[in-house]
Amino acid sequence: PLIEFVENWCLGMNSDGLLVGINFDSHLFGYEAEPLELCLDIIR
């Protein structure tokens, strides 16, 4: 659920120094986002 994603996943990944991979394709090619920046984009 989006609520769980923004509250738990994004905040947790930021704390752990991880990035979010967005809509990767079958070649594992996709957008790499900072979790908090993604959260702000979702909020906007």
ModelCIF file with pLDDT and N, C-alpha, C, O atoms, coordinates in Angstrom:
data_MODEL
#
_entry.id   MODEL 
#
_entity.id                         1 
_entity.type                       polymer 
_entity.pdbx_number_of_molecules   1 
#
_entity_poly.entity_id                      1 
_entity_poly.type                           'polypeptide(L)' 
_entity_poly.nstd_linkage                   no 
_entity_poly.nstd_monomer                   no 
_entity_poly.pdbx_seq_one_letter_code       PLIEFVENWCLGMNSDGLLVGINFDSHLFGYEAEPLELCLDIIR 
_entity_poly.pdbx_seq_one_letter_code_can   PLIEFVENWCLGMNSDGLLVGINFDSHLFGYEAEPLELCLDIIR 
_entity_poly.pdbx_strand_id                 A 
#
loop_
_entity_poly_seq.entity_id 
_entity_poly_seq.num 
_entity_poly_seq.mon_id 
_entity_poly_seq.hetero 
1 1  PRO n 
1 2  LEU n 
1 3  ILE n 
1 4  GLU n 
1 5  PHE n 
1 6  VAL n 
1 7  GLU n 
1 8  ASN n 
1 9  TRP n 
1 10 CYS n 
1 11 LEU n 
1 12 GLY n 
1 13 MET n 
1 14 ASN n 
1 15 SER n 
1 16 ASP n 
1 17 GLY n 
1 18 LEU n 
1 19 LEU n 
1 20 VAL n 
1 21 GLY n 
1 22 ILE n 
1 23 ASN n 
1 24 PHE n 
1 25 ASP n 
1 26 SER n 
1 27 HIS n 
1 28 LEU n 
1 29 PHE n 
1 30 GLY n 
1 31 TYR n 
1 32 GLU n 
1 33 ALA n 
1 34 GLU n 
1 35 PRO n 
1 36 LEU n 
1 37 GLU n 
1 38 LEU n 
1 39 CYS n 
1 40 LEU n 
1 41 ASP n 
1 42 ILE n 
1 43 ILE n 
1 44 ARG n 
#
_struct_asym.id          A 
_struct_asym.entity_id   1 
#
loop_
_ma_qa_metric.id 
_ma_qa_metric.mode 
_ma_qa_metric.name 
_ma_qa_metric.software_group_id 
_ma_qa_metric.type 
1 global pLDDT . pLDDT 
2 local  pLDDT . pLDDT 
#
_ma_qa_metric_global.metric_id      1 
_ma_qa_metric_global.metric_value   93.45 
_ma_qa_metric_global.model_id       1 
_ma_qa_metric_global.ordinal_id     1 
#
loop_
_ma_qa_metric_local.label_asym_id 
_ma_qa_metric_local.label_comp_id 
_ma_qa_metric_local.label_seq_id 
_ma_qa_metric_local.metric_id 
_ma_qa_metric_local.metric_value 
_ma_qa_metric_local.model_id 
_ma_qa_metric_local.ordinal_id 
A PRO 1  2 97.00 1 1  
A LEU 2  2 97.00 1 2  
A ILE 3  2 96.00 1 3  
A GLU 4  2 96.00 1 4  
A PHE 5  2 97.00 1 5  
A VAL 6  2 97.00 1 6  
A GLU 7  2 95.00 1 7  
A ASN 8  2 95.00 1 8  
A TRP 9  2 96.00 1 9  
A CYS 10 2 96.00 1 10 
A LEU 11 2 94.00 1 11 
A GLY 12 2 94.00 1 12 
A MET 13 2 95.00 1 13 
A ASN 14 2 94.00 1 14 
A SER 15 2 92.00 1 15 
A ASP 16 2 92.00 1 16 
A GLY 17 2 91.00 1 17 
A LEU 18 2 93.00 1 18 
A LEU 19 2 94.00 1 19 
A VAL 20 2 95.00 1 20 
A GLY 21 2 94.00 1 21 
A ILE 22 2 95.00 1 22 
A ASN 23 2 94.00 1 23 
A PHE 24 2 90.00 1 24 
A ASP 25 2 87.00 1 25 
A SER 26 2 84.00 1 26 
A HIS 27 2 82.00 1 27 
A LEU 28 2 81.00 1 28 
A PHE 29 2 82.00 1 29 
A GLY 30 2 87.00 1 30 
A TYR 31 2 91.00 1 31 
A GLU 32 2 92.00 1 32 
A ALA 33 2 93.00 1 33 
A GLU 34 2 95.00 1 34 
A PRO 35 2 97.00 1 35 
A LEU 36 2 97.00 1 36 
A GLU 37 2 96.00 1 37 
A LEU 38 2 97.00 1 38 
A CYS 39 2 97.00 1 39 
A LEU 40 2 97.00 1 40 
A ASP 41 2 97.00 1 41 
A ILE 42 2 97.00 1 42 
A ILE 43 2 97.00 1 43 
A ARG 44 2 97.00 1 44 
#
loop_
_atom_site.group_PDB 
_atom_site.id 
_atom_site.type_symbol 
_atom_site.label_atom_id 
_atom_site.label_alt_id 
_atom_site.label_comp_id 
_atom_site.label_asym_id 
_atom_site.label_entity_id 
_atom_site.label_seq_id 
_atom_site.pdbx_PDB_ins_code 
_atom_site.Cartn_x 
_atom_site.Cartn_y 
_atom_site.Cartn_z 
_atom_site.occupancy 
_atom_site.B_iso_or_equiv 
_atom_site.pdbx_formal_charge 
_atom_site.auth_seq_id 
_atom_site.auth_comp_id 
_atom_site.auth_asym_id 
_atom_site.auth_atom_id 
_atom_site.pdbx_PDB_model_num 
ATOM 1   N N  . PRO A 1 1  ? 0.849  -1.203 0.000   1.00 97.00 ? 1  PRO A N  1 
ATOM 2   C CA . PRO A 1 1  ? 0.000  0.000  0.000   1.00 97.00 ? 1  PRO A CA 1 
ATOM 3   C C  . PRO A 1 1  ? 0.883  1.252  0.000   1.00 97.00 ? 1  PRO A C  1 
ATOM 4   O O  . PRO A 1 1  ? 1.934  1.272  0.641   1.00 97.00 ? 1  PRO A O  1 
ATOM 5   N N  . LEU A 1 2  ? 0.461  2.283  -0.712  1.00 97.00 ? 2  LEU A N  1 
ATOM 6   C CA . LEU A 1 2  ? 1.255  3.502  -0.841  1.00 97.00 ? 2  LEU A CA 1 
ATOM 7   C C  . LEU A 1 2  ? 1.598  4.109  0.525   1.00 97.00 ? 2  LEU A C  1 
ATOM 8   O O  . LEU A 1 2  ? 2.713  4.593  0.723   1.00 97.00 ? 2  LEU A O  1 
ATOM 9   N N  . ILE A 1 3  ? 0.659  4.087  1.456   1.00 96.00 ? 3  ILE A N  1 
ATOM 10  C CA . ILE A 1 3  ? 0.924  4.636  2.801   1.00 96.00 ? 3  ILE A CA 1 
ATOM 11  C C  . ILE A 1 3  ? 2.114  3.925  3.425   1.00 96.00 ? 3  ILE A C  1 
ATOM 12  O O  . ILE A 1 3  ? 3.021  4.571  3.950   1.00 96.00 ? 3  ILE A O  1 
ATOM 13  N N  . GLU A 1 4  ? 2.116  2.605  3.370   1.00 96.00 ? 4  GLU A N  1 
ATOM 14  C CA . GLU A 1 4  ? 3.218  1.815  3.933   1.00 96.00 ? 4  GLU A CA 1 
ATOM 15  C C  . GLU A 1 4  ? 4.525  2.106  3.182   1.00 96.00 ? 4  GLU A C  1 
ATOM 16  O O  . GLU A 1 4  ? 5.597  2.170  3.784   1.00 96.00 ? 4  GLU A O  1 
ATOM 17  N N  . PHE A 1 5  ? 4.418  2.282  1.865   1.00 97.00 ? 5  PHE A N  1 
ATOM 18  C CA . PHE A 1 5  ? 5.601  2.552  1.049   1.00 97.00 ? 5  PHE A CA 1 
ATOM 19  C C  . PHE A 1 5  ? 6.264  3.863  1.464   1.00 97.00 ? 5  PHE A C  1 
ATOM 20  O O  . PHE A 1 5  ? 7.475  3.900  1.681   1.00 97.00 ? 5  PHE A O  1 
ATOM 21  N N  . VAL A 1 6  ? 5.482  4.941  1.576   1.00 97.00 ? 6  VAL A N  1 
ATOM 22  C CA . VAL A 1 6  ? 6.094  6.233  1.908   1.00 97.00 ? 6  VAL A CA 1 
ATOM 23  C C  . VAL A 1 6  ? 6.527  6.297  3.371   1.00 97.00 ? 6  VAL A C  1 
ATOM 24  O O  . VAL A 1 6  ? 7.588  6.843  3.674   1.00 97.00 ? 6  VAL A O  1 
ATOM 25  N N  . GLU A 1 7  ? 5.721  5.746  4.282   1.00 95.00 ? 7  GLU A N  1 
ATOM 26  C CA . GLU A 1 7  ? 6.057  5.858  5.704   1.00 95.00 ? 7  GLU A CA 1 
ATOM 27  C C  . GLU A 1 7  ? 7.146  4.892  6.144   1.00 95.00 ? 7  GLU A C  1 
ATOM 28  O O  . GLU A 1 7  ? 8.043  5.266  6.899   1.00 95.00 ? 7  GLU A O  1 
ATOM 29  N N  . ASN A 1 8  ? 7.070  3.651  5.675   1.00 95.00 ? 8  ASN A N  1 
ATOM 30  C CA . ASN A 1 8  ? 8.010  2.638  6.164   1.00 95.00 ? 8  ASN A CA 1 
ATOM 31  C C  . ASN A 1 8  ? 9.175  2.401  5.209   1.00 95.00 ? 8  ASN A C  1 
ATOM 32  O O  . ASN A 1 8  ? 10.339 2.467  5.605   1.00 95.00 ? 8  ASN A O  1 
ATOM 33  N N  . TRP A 1 9  ? 8.851  2.127  3.955   1.00 96.00 ? 9  TRP A N  1 
ATOM 34  C CA . TRP A 1 9  ? 9.893  1.770  2.997   1.00 96.00 ? 9  TRP A CA 1 
ATOM 35  C C  . TRP A 1 9  ? 10.819 2.939  2.698   1.00 96.00 ? 9  TRP A C  1 
ATOM 36  O O  . TRP A 1 9  ? 12.031 2.828  2.880   1.00 96.00 ? 9  TRP A O  1 
ATOM 37  N N  . CYS A 1 10 ? 10.271 4.044  2.246   1.00 96.00 ? 10 CYS A N  1 
ATOM 38  C CA . CYS A 1 10 ? 11.121 5.175  1.838   1.00 96.00 ? 10 CYS A CA 1 
ATOM 39  C C  . CYS A 1 10 ? 11.944 5.711  3.007   1.00 96.00 ? 10 CYS A C  1 
ATOM 40  O O  . CYS A 1 10 ? 13.142 5.955  2.864   1.00 96.00 ? 10 CYS A O  1 
ATOM 41  N N  . LEU A 1 11 ? 11.312 5.893  4.152   1.00 94.00 ? 11 LEU A N  1 
ATOM 42  C CA . LEU A 1 11 ? 12.036 6.414  5.303   1.00 94.00 ? 11 LEU A CA 1 
ATOM 43  C C  . LEU A 1 11 ? 13.096 5.416  5.767   1.00 94.00 ? 11 LEU A C  1 
ATOM 44  O O  . LEU A 1 11 ? 14.205 5.808  6.129   1.00 94.00 ? 11 LEU A O  1 
ATOM 45  N N  . GLY A 1 12 ? 12.755 4.132  5.757   1.00 94.00 ? 12 GLY A N  1 
ATOM 46  C CA . GLY A 1 12 ? 13.708 3.091  6.162   1.00 94.00 ? 12 GLY A CA 1 
ATOM 47  C C  . GLY A 1 12 ? 14.877 2.979  5.197   1.00 94.00 ? 12 GLY A C  1 
ATOM 48  O O  . GLY A 1 12 ? 16.025 2.844  5.621   1.00 94.00 ? 12 GLY A O  1 
ATOM 49  N N  . MET A 1 13 ? 14.586 3.034  3.891   1.00 95.00 ? 13 MET A N  1 
ATOM 50  C CA . MET A 1 13 ? 15.662 2.940  2.902   1.00 95.00 ? 13 MET A CA 1 
ATOM 51  C C  . MET A 1 13 ? 16.585 4.142  3.011   1.00 95.00 ? 13 MET A C  1 
ATOM 52  O O  . MET A 1 13 ? 17.798 4.007  2.846   1.00 95.00 ? 13 MET A O  1 
ATOM 53  N N  . ASN A 1 14 ? 16.030 5.317  3.286   1.00 94.00 ? 14 ASN A N  1 
ATOM 54  C CA . ASN A 1 14 ? 16.871 6.496  3.466   1.00 94.00 ? 14 ASN A CA 1 
ATOM 55  C C  . ASN A 1 14 ? 17.808 6.288  4.661   1.00 94.00 ? 14 ASN A C  1 
ATOM 56  O O  . ASN A 1 14 ? 19.000 6.580  4.574   1.00 94.00 ? 14 ASN A O  1 
ATOM 57  N N  . SER A 1 15 ? 17.265 5.780  5.778   1.00 92.00 ? 15 SER A N  1 
ATOM 58  C CA . SER A 1 15 ? 18.078 5.524  6.979   1.00 92.00 ? 15 SER A CA 1 
ATOM 59  C C  . SER A 1 15 ? 19.185 4.511  6.696   1.00 92.00 ? 15 SER A C  1 
ATOM 60  O O  . SER A 1 15 ? 20.284 4.608  7.241   1.00 92.00 ? 15 SER A O  1 
ATOM 61  N N  . ASP A 1 16 ? 18.876 3.528  5.829   1.00 92.00 ? 16 ASP A N  1 
ATOM 62  C CA . ASP A 1 16 ? 19.841 2.466  5.520   1.00 92.00 ? 16 ASP A CA 1 
ATOM 63  C C  . ASP A 1 16 ? 20.793 2.827  4.378   1.00 92.00 ? 16 ASP A C  1 
ATOM 64  O O  . ASP A 1 16 ? 21.656 2.029  4.013   1.00 92.00 ? 16 ASP A O  1 
ATOM 65  N N  . GLY A 1 17 ? 20.636 4.033  3.812   1.00 91.00 ? 17 GLY A N  1 
ATOM 66  C CA . GLY A 1 17 ? 21.516 4.454  2.728   1.00 91.00 ? 17 GLY A CA 1 
ATOM 67  C C  . GLY A 1 17 ? 21.258 3.739  1.405   1.00 91.00 ? 17 GLY A C  1 
ATOM 68  O O  . GLY A 1 17 ? 22.167 3.590  0.589   1.00 91.00 ? 17 GLY A O  1 
ATOM 69  N N  . LEU A 1 18 ? 20.019 3.298  1.193   1.00 93.00 ? 18 LEU A N  1 
ATOM 70  C CA . LEU A 1 18 ? 19.662 2.592  -0.039  1.00 93.00 ? 18 LEU A CA 1 
ATOM 71  C C  . LEU A 1 18 ? 18.971 3.531  -1.024  1.00 93.00 ? 18 LEU A C  1 
ATOM 72  O O  . LEU A 1 18 ? 18.475 4.593  -0.646  1.00 93.00 ? 18 LEU A O  1 
ATOM 73  N N  . LEU A 1 19 ? 18.947 3.129  -2.270  1.00 94.00 ? 19 LEU A N  1 
ATOM 74  C CA . LEU A 1 19 ? 18.224 3.865  -3.304  1.00 94.00 ? 19 LEU A CA 1 
ATOM 75  C C  . LEU A 1 19 ? 16.979 3.090  -3.715  1.00 94.00 ? 19 LEU A C  1 
ATOM 76  O O  . LEU A 1 19 ? 16.857 1.896  -3.441  1.00 94.00 ? 19 LEU A O  1 
ATOM 77  N N  . VAL A 1 20 ? 16.068 3.776  -4.368  1.00 95.00 ? 20 VAL A N  1 
ATOM 78  C CA . VAL A 1 20 ? 14.860 3.149  -4.903  1.00 95.00 ? 20 VAL A CA 1 
ATOM 79  C C  . VAL A 1 20 ? 15.061 2.980  -6.410  1.00 95.00 ? 20 VAL A C  1 
ATOM 80  O O  . VAL A 1 20 ? 15.408 3.933  -7.108  1.00 95.00 ? 20 VAL A O  1 
ATOM 81  N N  . GLY A 1 21 ? 14.842 1.769  -6.899  1.00 94.00 ? 21 GLY A N  1 
ATOM 82  C CA . GLY A 1 21 ? 14.876 1.506  -8.335  1.00 94.00 ? 21 GLY A CA 1 
ATOM 83  C C  . GLY A 1 21 ? 13.456 1.579  -8.853  1.00 94.00 ? 21 GLY A C  1 
ATOM 84  O O  . GLY A 1 21 ? 12.577 0.862  -8.375  1.00 94.00 ? 21 GLY A O  1 
ATOM 85  N N  . ILE A 1 22 ? 13.228 2.444  -9.829  1.00 95.00 ? 22 ILE A N  1 
ATOM 86  C CA . ILE A 1 22 ? 11.866 2.703  -10.295 1.00 95.00 ? 22 ILE A CA 1 
ATOM 87  C C  . ILE A 1 22 ? 11.625 2.107  -11.677 1.00 95.00 ? 22 ILE A C  1 
ATOM 88  O O  . ILE A 1 22 ? 12.357 2.379  -12.628 1.00 95.00 ? 22 ILE A O  1 
ATOM 89  N N  . ASN A 1 23 ? 10.569 1.278  -11.764 1.00 94.00 ? 23 ASN A N  1 
ATOM 90  C CA . ASN A 1 23 ? 10.124 0.698  -13.037 1.00 94.00 ? 23 ASN A CA 1 
ATOM 91  C C  . ASN A 1 23 ? 11.283 0.183  -13.895 1.00 94.00 ? 23 ASN A C  1 
ATOM 92  O O  . ASN A 1 23 ? 11.385 0.500  -15.080 1.00 94.00 ? 23 ASN A O  1 
ATOM 93  N N  . PHE A 1 24 ? 12.152 -0.617 -13.272 1.00 90.00 ? 24 PHE A N  1 
ATOM 94  C CA . PHE A 1 24 ? 13.247 -1.244 -14.021 1.00 90.00 ? 24 PHE A CA 1 
ATOM 95  C C  . PHE A 1 24 ? 12.654 -2.121 -15.111 1.00 90.00 ? 24 PHE A C  1 
ATOM 96  O O  . PHE A 1 24 ? 11.560 -2.663 -14.956 1.00 90.00 ? 24 PHE A O  1 
ATOM 97  N N  . ASP A 1 25 ? 13.378 -2.258 -16.212 1.00 87.00 ? 25 ASP A N  1 
ATOM 98  C CA . ASP A 1 25 ? 12.918 -3.140 -17.292 1.00 87.00 ? 25 ASP A CA 1 
ATOM 99  C C  . ASP A 1 25 ? 13.602 -4.497 -17.162 1.00 87.00 ? 25 ASP A C  1 
ATOM 100 O O  . ASP A 1 25 ? 14.346 -4.734 -16.210 1.00 87.00 ? 25 ASP A O  1 
ATOM 101 N N  . SER A 1 26 ? 13.355 -5.370 -18.105 1.00 84.00 ? 26 SER A N  1 
ATOM 102 C CA . SER A 1 26 ? 13.904 -6.731 -18.025 1.00 84.00 ? 26 SER A CA 1 
ATOM 103 C C  . SER A 1 26 ? 15.430 -6.751 -18.125 1.00 84.00 ? 26 SER A C  1 
ATOM 104 O O  . SER A 1 26 ? 16.049 -7.777 -17.843 1.00 84.00 ? 26 SER A O  1 
ATOM 105 N N  . HIS A 1 27 ? 16.041 -5.643 -18.519 1.00 82.00 ? 27 HIS A N  1 
ATOM 106 C CA . HIS A 1 27 ? 17.512 -5.535 -18.554 1.00 82.00 ? 27 HIS A CA 1 
ATOM 107 C C  . HIS A 1 27 ? 18.047 -4.889 -17.282 1.00 82.00 ? 27 HIS A C  1 
ATOM 108 O O  . HIS A 1 27 ? 19.221 -4.531 -17.196 1.00 82.00 ? 27 HIS A O  1 
ATOM 109 N N  . LEU A 1 28 ? 17.156 -4.745 -16.287 1.00 81.00 ? 28 LEU A N  1 
ATOM 110 C CA . LEU A 1 28 ? 17.477 -4.107 -15.005 1.00 81.00 ? 28 LEU A CA 1 
ATOM 111 C C  . LEU A 1 28 ? 17.973 -2.682 -15.207 1.00 81.00 ? 28 LEU A C  1 
ATOM 112 O O  . LEU A 1 28 ? 18.911 -2.228 -14.553 1.00 81.00 ? 28 LEU A O  1 
ATOM 113 N N  . PHE A 1 29 ? 17.325 -2.003 -16.116 1.00 82.00 ? 29 PHE A N  1 
ATOM 114 C CA . PHE A 1 29 ? 17.643 -0.623 -16.437 1.00 82.00 ? 29 PHE A CA 1 
ATOM 115 C C  . PHE A 1 29 ? 16.455 0.215  -16.015 1.00 82.00 ? 29 PHE A C  1 
ATOM 116 O O  . PHE A 1 29 ? 15.334 -0.021 -16.464 1.00 82.00 ? 29 PHE A O  1 
ATOM 117 N N  . GLY A 1 30 ? 16.692 1.194  -15.154 1.00 87.00 ? 30 GLY A N  1 
ATOM 118 C CA . GLY A 1 30 ? 15.598 2.031  -14.695 1.00 87.00 ? 30 GLY A CA 1 
ATOM 119 C C  . GLY A 1 30 ? 16.106 3.236  -13.936 1.00 87.00 ? 30 GLY A C  1 
ATOM 120 O O  . GLY A 1 30 ? 17.309 3.487  -13.871 1.00 87.00 ? 30 GLY A O  1 
ATOM 121 N N  . TYR A 1 31 ? 15.186 3.970  -13.370 1.00 91.00 ? 31 TYR A N  1 
ATOM 122 C CA . TYR A 1 31 ? 15.515 5.214  -12.674 1.00 91.00 ? 31 TYR A CA 1 
ATOM 123 C C  . TYR A 1 31 ? 15.950 4.901  -11.248 1.00 91.00 ? 31 TYR A C  1 
ATOM 124 O O  . TYR A 1 31 ? 15.310 4.114  -10.551 1.00 91.00 ? 31 TYR A O  1 
ATOM 125 N N  . GLU A 1 32 ? 17.048 5.529  -10.820 1.00 92.00 ? 32 GLU A N  1 
ATOM 126 C CA . GLU A 1 32 ? 17.522 5.386  -9.446  1.00 92.00 ? 32 GLU A CA 1 
ATOM 127 C C  . GLU A 1 32 ? 17.172 6.663  -8.699  1.00 92.00 ? 32 GLU A C  1 
ATOM 128 O O  . GLU A 1 32 ? 17.600 7.752  -9.081  1.00 92.00 ? 32 GLU A O  1 
ATOM 129 N N  . ALA A 1 33 ? 16.389 6.525  -7.629  1.00 93.00 ? 33 ALA A N  1 
ATOM 130 C CA . ALA A 1 33 ? 15.915 7.706  -6.900  1.00 93.00 ? 33 ALA A CA 1 
ATOM 131 C C  . ALA A 1 33 ? 16.333 7.650  -5.440  1.00 93.00 ? 33 ALA A C  1 
ATOM 132 O O  . ALA A 1 33 ? 16.442 6.582  -4.838  1.00 93.00 ? 33 ALA A O  1 
ATOM 133 N N  . GLU A 1 34 ? 16.564 8.842  -4.890  1.00 95.00 ? 34 GLU A N  1 
ATOM 134 C CA . GLU A 1 34 ? 16.751 8.961  -3.441  1.00 95.00 ? 34 GLU A CA 1 
ATOM 135 C C  . GLU A 1 34 ? 15.370 8.770  -2.814  1.00 95.00 ? 34 GLU A C  1 
ATOM 136 O O  . GLU A 1 34 ? 14.403 9.383  -3.267  1.00 95.00 ? 34 GLU A O  1 
ATOM 137 N N  . PRO A 1 35 ? 15.258 7.931  -1.780  1.00 97.00 ? 35 PRO A N  1 
ATOM 138 C CA . PRO A 1 35 ? 13.930 7.648  -1.198  1.00 97.00 ? 35 PRO A CA 1 
ATOM 139 C C  . PRO A 1 35 ? 13.159 8.894  -0.742  1.00 97.00 ? 35 PRO A C  1 
ATOM 140 O O  . PRO A 1 35 ? 11.949 8.976  -0.953  1.00 97.00 ? 35 PRO A O  1 
ATOM 141 N N  . LEU A 1 36 ? 13.836 9.851  -0.127  1.00 97.00 ? 36 LEU A N  1 
ATOM 142 C CA . LEU A 1 36 ? 13.117 11.033 0.365   1.00 97.00 ? 36 LEU A CA 1 
ATOM 143 C C  . LEU A 1 36 ? 12.680 11.941 -0.780  1.00 97.00 ? 36 LEU A C  1 
ATOM 144 O O  . LEU A 1 36 ? 11.619 12.561 -0.712  1.00 97.00 ? 36 LEU A O  1 
ATOM 145 N N  . GLU A 1 37 ? 13.501 12.023 -1.836  1.00 96.00 ? 37 GLU A N  1 
ATOM 146 C CA . GLU A 1 37 ? 13.109 12.811 -3.016  1.00 96.00 ? 37 GLU A CA 1 
ATOM 147 C C  . GLU A 1 37 ? 11.867 12.186 -3.662  1.00 96.00 ? 37 GLU A C  1 
ATOM 148 O O  . GLU A 1 37 ? 10.957 12.899 -4.085  1.00 96.00 ? 37 GLU A O  1 
ATOM 149 N N  . LEU A 1 38 ? 11.837 10.851 -3.734  1.00 97.00 ? 38 LEU A N  1 
ATOM 150 C CA . LEU A 1 38 ? 10.667 10.152 -4.272  1.00 97.00 ? 38 LEU A CA 1 
ATOM 151 C C  . LEU A 1 38 ? 9.439  10.459 -3.420  1.00 97.00 ? 38 LEU A C  1 
ATOM 152 O O  . LEU A 1 38 ? 8.363  10.724 -3.957  1.00 97.00 ? 38 LEU A O  1 
ATOM 153 N N  . CYS A 1 39 ? 9.591  10.426 -2.106  1.00 97.00 ? 39 CYS A N  1 
ATOM 154 C CA . CYS A 1 39 ? 8.482  10.746 -1.195  1.00 97.00 ? 39 CYS A CA 1 
ATOM 155 C C  . CYS A 1 39 ? 7.931  12.136 -1.488  1.00 97.00 ? 39 CYS A C  1 
ATOM 156 O O  . CYS A 1 39 ? 6.717  12.327 -1.562  1.00 97.00 ? 39 CYS A O  1 
ATOM 157 N N  . LEU A 1 40 ? 8.827  13.105 -1.653  1.00 97.00 ? 40 LEU A N  1 
ATOM 158 C CA . LEU A 1 40 ? 8.380  14.479 -1.931  1.00 97.00 ? 40 LEU A CA 1 
ATOM 159 C C  . LEU A 1 40 ? 7.644  14.550 -3.269  1.00 97.00 ? 40 LEU A C  1 
ATOM 160 O O  . LEU A 1 40 ? 6.643  15.257 -3.389  1.00 97.00 ? 40 LEU A O  1 
ATOM 161 N N  . ASP A 1 41 ? 8.133  13.824 -4.271  1.00 97.00 ? 41 ASP A N  1 
ATOM 162 C CA . ASP A 1 41 ? 7.452  13.808 -5.573  1.00 97.00 ? 41 ASP A CA 1 
ATOM 163 C C  . ASP A 1 41 ? 6.064  13.180 -5.456  1.00 97.00 ? 41 ASP A C  1 
ATOM 164 O O  . ASP A 1 41 ? 5.115  13.651 -6.083  1.00 97.00 ? 41 ASP A O  1 
ATOM 165 N N  . ILE A 1 42 ? 5.944  12.127 -4.660  1.00 97.00 ? 42 ILE A N  1 
ATOM 166 C CA . ILE A 1 42 ? 4.642  11.478 -4.448  1.00 97.00 ? 42 ILE A CA 1 
ATOM 167 C C  . ILE A 1 42 ? 3.694  12.432 -3.712  1.00 97.00 ? 42 ILE A C  1 
ATOM 168 O O  . ILE A 1 42 ? 2.521  12.547 -4.069  1.00 97.00 ? 42 ILE A O  1 
ATOM 169 N N  . ILE A 1 43 ? 4.205  13.109 -2.691  1.00 97.00 ? 43 ILE A N  1 
ATOM 170 C CA . ILE A 1 43 ? 3.379  14.071 -1.945  1.00 97.00 ? 43 ILE A CA 1 
ATOM 171 C C  . ILE A 1 43 ? 2.894  15.189 -2.877  1.00 97.00 ? 43 ILE A C  1 
ATOM 172 O O  . ILE A 1 43 ? 1.722  15.563 -2.839  1.00 97.00 ? 43 ILE A O  1 
ATOM 173 N N  . ARG A 1 44 ? 3.794  15.722 -3.712  1.00 97.00 ? 44 ARG A N  1 
ATOM 174 C CA . ARG A 1 44 ? 3.409  16.781 -4.663  1.00 97.00 ? 44 ARG A CA 1 
ATOM 175 C C  . ARG A 1 44 ? 2.303  16.300 -5.597  1.00 97.00 ? 44 ARG A C  1 
ATOM 176 O O  . ARG A 1 44 ? 1.853  17.053 -6.461  1.00 97.00 ? 44 ARG A O  1 
#
